Protein backbone atom coordinates (compact mmCIF):
# COMPACT_ATOMS: atom_id res chain seq x y z
CA UNK A 1 8.67 -7.64 0.27
CA UNK A 2 11.02 -10.73 0.62
CA UNK A 3 13.81 -11.14 -1.56
CA UNK A 4 15.23 -14.07 -2.60
CA UNK A 5 18.28 -13.48 -4.33
CA UNK A 6 21.26 -15.74 -3.67
CA UNK A 7 24.86 -15.30 -4.64
CA UNK A 8 28.34 -17.01 -4.16
CA UNK A 9 31.09 -16.33 -2.18
CA UNK A 10 34.58 -16.41 -3.85
CA UNK A 11 34.69 -19.84 -3.49
CA UNK A 12 31.73 -20.15 -5.84
CA UNK A 13 29.20 -22.33 -2.96
CA UNK A 14 26.05 -20.20 -3.40
CA UNK A 15 25.42 -18.22 -0.30
CA UNK A 16 20.99 -17.44 0.65
CA UNK A 17 19.76 -13.70 -0.39
CA UNK A 18 19.94 -11.43 2.29
CA UNK A 19 16.08 -11.53 2.71
CA UNK A 20 16.11 -15.51 3.16
CA UNK A 21 15.76 -16.47 6.27
CA UNK A 22 18.49 -18.65 8.04
CA UNK A 23 19.04 -17.65 11.05
CA UNK A 24 17.34 -19.39 14.06
CA UNK A 25 16.21 -17.38 17.21
CA UNK A 26 18.62 -17.60 19.66
CA UNK A 27 21.47 -17.56 16.81
CA UNK A 28 19.73 -13.83 15.81
CA UNK A 29 19.32 -12.99 19.23
CA UNK A 30 23.18 -14.30 19.57
CA UNK A 31 23.80 -11.43 16.48
CA UNK A 32 21.82 -8.40 17.12
CA UNK A 33 23.14 -8.32 20.47
CA UNK A 34 19.57 -8.54 22.34
CA UNK A 35 17.77 -11.29 24.14
CA UNK A 36 14.90 -13.90 23.05
CA UNK A 37 12.78 -12.49 24.10
CA UNK A 38 13.44 -9.20 23.31
CA UNK A 39 12.65 -10.39 19.47
CA UNK A 40 10.03 -12.16 20.78
CA UNK A 41 8.66 -8.44 22.25
CA UNK A 42 10.02 -6.28 19.06
CA UNK A 43 7.61 -8.88 16.79
CA UNK A 44 4.93 -8.46 18.95
CA UNK A 45 5.11 -4.67 18.33
CA UNK A 46 5.84 -5.39 14.17
CA UNK A 47 9.53 -4.39 14.44
CA UNK A 48 10.52 -7.44 12.79
CA UNK A 49 8.83 -10.40 10.49
CA UNK A 50 10.95 -13.30 10.32
CA UNK A 51 9.95 -16.38 8.11
CA UNK A 52 8.38 -18.48 9.44
CA UNK A 53 9.36 -21.77 8.40
CA UNK A 54 6.75 -24.93 7.59
CA UNK A 55 7.09 -26.33 11.07
CA UNK A 56 6.70 -22.54 12.12
CA UNK A 57 10.35 -22.08 13.51
CA UNK A 58 11.34 -18.23 12.99
CA UNK A 59 14.14 -17.65 10.68
CA UNK A 60 16.08 -14.36 10.96
CA UNK A 61 17.78 -12.91 7.06
CA UNK A 62 20.70 -10.68 7.12
CA UNK A 63 17.36 -8.01 6.46
CA UNK A 64 16.16 -8.83 9.94
CA UNK A 65 19.58 -8.62 11.68
CA UNK A 66 20.35 -5.14 9.93
CA UNK A 67 16.80 -4.08 11.11
CA UNK A 68 17.02 -5.57 14.53
CA UNK A 69 20.42 -2.93 14.42
CA UNK A 70 17.93 -0.61 13.55
CA UNK A 71 15.71 -1.19 16.48
CA UNK A 72 18.96 -1.63 19.10
CA UNK A 73 19.86 1.94 17.83
CA UNK A 74 17.26 3.06 18.51
CA UNK A 75 15.85 1.68 21.35
CA UNK A 76 19.25 2.49 22.87
CA UNK A 77 18.44 6.08 21.93
CA UNK A 78 15.47 6.15 23.45
CA UNK A 79 12.37 5.75 21.69
CA UNK A 80 9.91 3.87 22.71
CA UNK A 81 8.84 0.60 20.48
CA UNK A 82 5.30 2.77 18.97
CA UNK A 83 8.17 5.37 18.13
CA UNK A 84 10.88 2.84 16.43
CA UNK A 85 7.38 1.09 15.00
CA UNK A 86 6.91 4.85 12.81
CA UNK A 87 10.65 5.72 12.24
CA UNK A 88 10.68 2.46 10.94
CA UNK A 89 7.54 2.82 8.11
CA UNK A 90 8.74 6.06 7.08
CA UNK A 91 12.36 4.99 6.40
CA UNK A 92 10.75 2.59 4.75
CA UNK A 93 8.49 4.42 2.90
CA UNK A 94 10.77 7.22 2.10
CA UNK A 95 13.50 3.87 0.39
CA UNK A 96 10.21 3.26 -1.71
CA UNK A 97 10.50 6.59 -2.99
CA UNK A 98 13.53 6.88 -3.44
CA UNK A 99 13.85 3.57 -5.32
CA UNK A 100 10.28 4.65 -8.05
CA UNK A 101 12.19 8.57 -8.48
CA UNK A 102 15.90 6.88 -9.16
CA UNK A 103 13.68 4.57 -11.49
CA UNK A 104 11.46 7.26 -13.31
CA UNK A 105 14.64 9.43 -13.70
CA UNK A 106 16.34 6.29 -15.50
CA UNK A 107 12.70 6.13 -17.60
CA UNK A 108 12.49 10.08 -18.03
CA UNK A 109 16.34 9.57 -19.02
CA UNK A 110 15.69 7.30 -21.87
CA UNK A 111 13.25 8.79 -23.53
CA UNK A 112 14.54 12.16 -24.04
CA UNK A 113 17.66 10.14 -25.50
CA UNK A 114 15.26 8.28 -27.32
CA UNK A 115 13.43 11.91 -29.13
CA UNK A 116 16.90 13.51 -29.27
CA UNK A 117 18.32 10.51 -31.78
CA UNK A 118 15.15 11.29 -34.01
CA UNK A 119 16.40 14.55 -34.41
């Protein structure tokens, strides 16, 4: 899922959203502290999925960079890429479940408040 939320900095300029691909592969590699070939390898293993420009150029987002930092941290701890992929899948699923749980809790509380105000 790619978010395209934009924000404004303290000077009122529009900034790209966290999920909007803006960094070329060389810049992303430098910011993540890995080589360009390593980024390509991570993509081949499905660990990161950068957006593509209309010309097919990879464009990495802030979210991609955060994911790359997580991948490099796990790799630095000695995990193989297949295990890193599974860890990321589980973390993503956990985040999705937490978000759904929070939404359900909010809805439950809203319904309870509505029911108690009818009494």
